Amino acid sequence: MYFSKRNDKTVYINHYSGLLEVEGEGILTKEDTEVWPSSGKNWGGKYNELCIKEGITGLGEGYLEYFRKINCLILSRTVEAVATDAELDKRLQKNKVLIRGEYDTFAEEFAREKKLNFLHCDIHLADDEFKERYEHDIITLRFHLKGDADIHYNCFTPGSSAGSYGGGEYAKKLPKDFYVGCTLEQFAGNFPERIRDQLLANDMLRRFLENSNKRVKS
């Protein structure tokens, strides 16, 4: 985890998978790439996926240029502007950077304007607890450029010895048209009752189903 020297509300959460998540508010500037604890010169080159979380409203001039090796940019629905120039546009196109976000947001508009592929962002659906066997499952609706959407389960359980962890991952493929005519209530009906309230309160899921069905009708 790193913090911007300019604004300690800007927090970078790094993952071994190559994903870097950015939390904060307002517009990120080039100066926000100077972080503490120090992560070395050109530390942004370590990551290939950049996720801008809700609360951040824009990426200012020079910010995106710092992350030269990304092949995927995820923009939350609060992002309303990303500053680029002709050179950066060419690099994004050359690297075939995938833009991800919600339908009918700036992310989709940005991808269209820059002639880049767009894919709806994955949707965290719910956390499922099995107290009787000490298991915690993170359930995500995932989308893929190639192949159908799926429901991904990341399962965490205690390991066989102190300090170790068990669990695993698996995914259930969905039909291509799983969202057609599907309401939030109908979607929630495919899951155990114990997580129904989480699903019904999931605003991103609700927006996805509503916007997807509007597109089908149009």
Protein backbone atom coordinates (compact mmCIF):
# COMPACT_ATOMS: atom_id res chain seq x y z
CA MET A 1 0.00 0.00 0.00
CA TYR A 2 1.28 3.44 -0.95
CA PHE A 3 0.15 6.99 -0.25
CA SER A 4 0.42 10.06 -2.44
CA LYS A 5 2.91 12.61 -1.10
CA ARG A 6 0.65 15.38 -2.41
CA ASN A 7 -2.54 14.11 -0.83
CA ASP A 8 -2.59 11.32 1.76
CA LYS A 9 -6.24 10.63 0.89
CA THR A 10 -4.97 9.15 -2.37
CA VAL A 11 -4.15 5.52 -1.56
CA TYR A 12 -2.67 2.87 -3.84
CA ILE A 13 -3.50 -0.76 -3.10
CA ASN A 14 -1.17 -3.10 -4.95
CA HIS A 15 -1.90 -6.74 -5.81
CA TYR A 16 0.53 -9.46 -6.86
CA SER A 17 -1.66 -10.11 -9.91
CA GLY A 18 -0.43 -6.85 -11.48
CA LEU A 19 -3.55 -4.92 -10.44
CA LEU A 20 -3.18 -1.50 -8.84
CA GLU A 21 -6.28 0.06 -7.23
CA VAL A 22 -6.45 3.80 -6.51
CA GLU A 23 -8.73 5.19 -3.83
CA GLY A 24 -9.29 8.89 -3.21
CA GLU A 25 -11.39 11.86 -4.19
CA GLY A 26 -11.36 14.61 -6.76
CA ILE A 27 -8.87 14.82 -9.63
CA LEU A 28 -5.61 12.88 -9.56
CA THR A 29 -2.57 14.81 -10.79
CA LYS A 30 0.89 13.84 -11.99
CA GLU A 31 2.20 14.74 -8.53
CA ASP A 32 0.04 11.97 -7.05
CA THR A 33 2.41 9.42 -8.61
CA GLU A 34 5.05 10.44 -6.06
CA VAL A 35 4.34 8.08 -3.19
CA TRP A 36 5.48 7.00 0.24
CA PRO A 37 6.81 4.63 1.39
CA SER A 38 9.12 4.98 -1.60
CA SER A 39 8.61 2.24 -4.17
CA GLY A 40 11.52 3.13 -6.42
CA LYS A 41 11.80 5.15 -9.58
CA ASN A 42 9.12 4.52 -12.21
CA TRP A 43 7.26 2.20 -9.82
CA GLY A 44 4.10 2.53 -11.94
CA GLY A 45 5.71 0.31 -14.58
CA LYS A 46 5.19 -2.73 -12.33
CA TYR A 47 1.44 -2.86 -13.02
CA ASN A 48 -0.58 -3.85 -16.06
CA GLU A 49 -4.07 -3.10 -14.71
CA LEU A 50 -5.14 0.21 -13.17
CA CYS A 51 -8.45 0.53 -11.31
CA ILE A 52 -9.73 4.02 -10.41
CA LYS A 53 -12.23 3.67 -7.57
CA GLU A 54 -15.40 5.65 -6.79
CA GLY A 55 -14.83 9.11 -5.36
CA ILE A 56 -12.15 10.03 -7.89
CA THR A 57 -13.61 12.34 -10.53
CA GLY A 58 -10.81 12.66 -13.05
CA LEU A 59 -7.24 11.94 -14.16
CA GLY A 60 -5.34 15.12 -14.81
CA GLU A 61 -2.63 15.89 -17.36
CA GLY A 62 0.38 13.61 -17.03
CA TYR A 63 -1.21 11.15 -14.60
CA LEU A 64 -2.07 8.29 -16.93
CA GLU A 65 1.22 8.65 -18.81
CA TYR A 66 3.04 7.44 -15.71
CA PHE A 67 1.51 3.97 -15.93
CA ARG A 68 3.14 3.06 -19.22
CA LYS A 69 2.60 -0.70 -19.16
CA ILE A 70 -1.10 -0.98 -18.39
CA ASN A 71 -3.24 -3.03 -20.75
CA CYS A 72 -6.48 -2.49 -18.81
CA LEU A 73 -7.94 0.70 -17.32
CA ILE A 74 -10.97 0.42 -15.05
CA LEU A 75 -12.87 3.67 -14.45
CA SER A 76 -15.55 3.98 -11.78
CA ARG A 77 -18.79 5.79 -12.53
CA THR A 78 -17.60 8.93 -10.69
CA VAL A 79 -14.79 9.53 -13.20
CA GLU A 80 -15.85 12.24 -15.62
CA ALA A 81 -12.61 13.17 -17.40
CA VAL A 82 -9.24 11.70 -18.39
CA ALA A 83 -6.61 14.04 -19.81
CA THR A 84 -4.64 12.64 -22.76
CA ASP A 85 -2.64 13.96 -25.69
CA ALA A 86 -2.03 12.60 -29.19
CA GLU A 87 1.07 10.65 -28.10
CA LEU A 88 -0.73 8.95 -25.22
CA ASP A 89 -3.72 8.16 -27.45
CA LYS A 90 -1.37 6.39 -29.88
CA ARG A 91 0.23 4.41 -27.06
CA LEU A 92 -3.15 3.34 -25.67
CA GLN A 93 -4.18 2.14 -29.12
CA LYS A 94 -0.84 0.45 -29.81
CA ASN A 95 -1.02 -1.42 -26.49
CA LYS A 96 -4.68 -2.27 -27.16
CA VAL A 97 -5.65 -1.03 -23.71
CA LEU A 98 -9.01 -2.36 -22.60
CA ILE A 99 -11.32 0.18 -20.95
CA ARG A 100 -13.70 -1.17 -18.32
CA GLY A 101 -16.53 0.47 -16.41
CA GLU A 102 -20.31 0.63 -16.26
CA TYR A 103 -22.60 1.13 -19.23
CA ASP A 104 -23.63 4.70 -20.04
CA THR A 105 -20.76 6.30 -18.13
CA PHE A 106 -17.67 8.27 -19.10
CA ALA A 107 -15.68 5.02 -19.30
CA GLU A 108 -17.71 3.79 -22.25
CA GLU A 109 -17.62 7.22 -23.89
CA PHE A 110 -13.84 7.41 -23.42
CA ALA A 111 -13.32 4.00 -25.04
CA ARG A 112 -15.46 4.98 -28.01
CA GLU A 113 -13.68 8.33 -28.42
CA LYS A 114 -10.20 6.75 -28.26
CA LYS A 115 -11.17 3.77 -30.45
CA LEU A 116 -10.44 1.25 -27.69
CA ASN A 117 -12.30 -1.90 -26.69
CA PHE A 118 -14.81 -1.54 -23.86
CA LEU A 119 -15.99 -4.23 -21.45
CA HIS A 120 -18.35 -3.85 -18.53
CA CYS A 121 -16.52 -4.06 -15.23
CA ASP A 122 -16.90 -7.12 -13.02
CA ILE A 123 -19.57 -6.80 -10.33
CA HIS A 124 -18.99 -7.88 -6.76
CA LEU A 125 -22.30 -9.53 -5.93
CA ALA A 126 -22.09 -10.59 -2.30
CA ASP A 127 -20.08 -12.19 0.49
CA ASP A 128 -21.43 -15.53 1.67
CA GLU A 129 -20.64 -16.77 5.15
CA PHE A 130 -20.83 -20.41 6.23
CA LYS A 131 -20.30 -20.07 9.97
CA GLU A 132 -20.76 -23.78 10.64
CA ARG A 133 -17.66 -24.59 8.57
CA TYR A 134 -15.83 -21.28 8.94
CA GLU A 135 -15.98 -20.51 5.23
CA HIS A 136 -16.17 -17.11 3.55
CA ASP A 137 -17.03 -16.89 -0.18
CA ILE A 138 -16.62 -13.79 -2.33
CA ILE A 139 -19.06 -13.95 -5.24
CA THR A 140 -18.42 -11.93 -8.42
CA LEU A 141 -20.21 -11.57 -11.74
CA ARG A 142 -17.40 -11.56 -14.32
CA PHE A 143 -17.39 -10.47 -17.95
CA HIS A 144 -14.92 -11.55 -20.64
CA LEU A 145 -14.01 -10.17 -24.05
CA LYS A 146 -13.92 -13.75 -25.32
CA GLY A 147 -16.39 -16.18 -23.82
CA ASP A 148 -19.56 -15.90 -21.80
CA ALA A 149 -20.00 -14.20 -18.45
CA ASP A 150 -19.69 -16.31 -15.31
CA ILE A 151 -20.27 -16.30 -11.57
CA HIS A 152 -16.91 -16.61 -9.79
CA TYR A 153 -16.59 -17.97 -6.26
CA ASN A 154 -13.43 -17.23 -4.28
CA CYS A 155 -13.65 -19.44 -1.19
CA PHE A 156 -11.64 -18.99 1.99
CA THR A 157 -11.53 -21.62 4.75
CA PRO A 158 -9.15 -22.36 7.67
CA GLY A 159 -6.17 -24.49 6.72
CA SER A 160 -5.09 -27.78 8.24
CA SER A 161 -2.62 -26.06 10.57
CA ALA A 162 -2.32 -22.77 12.42
CA GLY A 163 -1.52 -19.87 10.13
CA SER A 164 -2.51 -21.64 6.92
CA TYR A 165 -5.54 -21.17 4.71
CA GLY A 166 -7.56 -23.52 2.58
CA GLY A 167 -10.32 -22.83 0.10
CA GLY A 168 -10.22 -22.44 -3.64
CA GLU A 169 -11.88 -20.90 -6.68
CA TYR A 170 -14.47 -22.01 -9.16
CA ALA A 171 -16.79 -20.44 -11.72
CA LYS A 172 -20.23 -21.17 -13.16
CA LYS A 173 -20.77 -20.10 -16.78
CA LEU A 174 -23.88 -18.12 -17.64
CA PRO A 175 -25.97 -18.19 -20.83
CA LYS A 176 -25.16 -15.36 -23.25
CA ASP A 177 -28.60 -13.82 -22.72
CA PHE A 178 -28.82 -14.37 -18.95
CA TYR A 179 -29.75 -10.72 -18.34
CA VAL A 180 -32.52 -10.46 -20.97
CA GLY A 181 -35.83 -9.75 -19.23
CA CYS A 182 -34.20 -10.42 -15.87
CA THR A 183 -35.07 -8.14 -12.95
CA LEU A 184 -32.94 -7.71 -9.86
CA GLU A 185 -35.42 -9.80 -7.87
CA GLN A 186 -35.34 -12.60 -10.44
CA PHE A 187 -31.54 -12.58 -10.52
CA ALA A 188 -31.39 -12.77 -6.71
CA GLY A 189 -33.71 -15.78 -6.83
CA ASN A 190 -30.86 -17.87 -8.24
CA PHE A 191 -28.89 -17.59 -5.01
CA PRO A 192 -29.37 -18.75 -1.41
CA GLU A 193 -31.83 -16.76 0.68
CA ARG A 194 -29.08 -15.80 3.14
CA ILE A 195 -27.47 -13.42 0.60
CA ARG A 196 -30.68 -12.14 -0.98
CA ASP A 197 -30.63 -8.83 0.90
CA GLN A 198 -27.08 -8.12 -0.30
CA LEU A 199 -28.10 -8.76 -3.90
CA LEU A 200 -31.23 -6.62 -3.69
CA ALA A 201 -29.15 -3.77 -2.27
CA ASN A 202 -26.50 -4.05 -5.01
CA ASP A 203 -26.84 -0.82 -7.00
CA MET A 204 -24.23 -1.71 -9.63
CA LEU A 205 -26.01 -4.99 -10.35
CA ARG A 206 -29.34 -3.19 -10.60
CA ARG A 207 -27.89 -0.62 -13.02
CA PHE A 208 -26.33 -3.36 -15.14
CA LEU A 209 -29.59 -5.28 -15.51
CA GLU A 210 -31.62 -2.17 -16.25
CA ASN A 211 -29.16 -0.74 -18.79
CA SER A 212 -28.56 -4.08 -20.48
CA ASN A 213 -32.28 -4.61 -21.02
CA LYS A 214 -32.69 -1.08 -22.37
CA ARG A 215 -30.03 -1.91 -24.94
CA VAL A 216 -31.83 -5.10 -25.92
CA LYS A 217 -35.03 -3.16 -26.52
CA SER A 218 -33.28 -0.47 -28.56
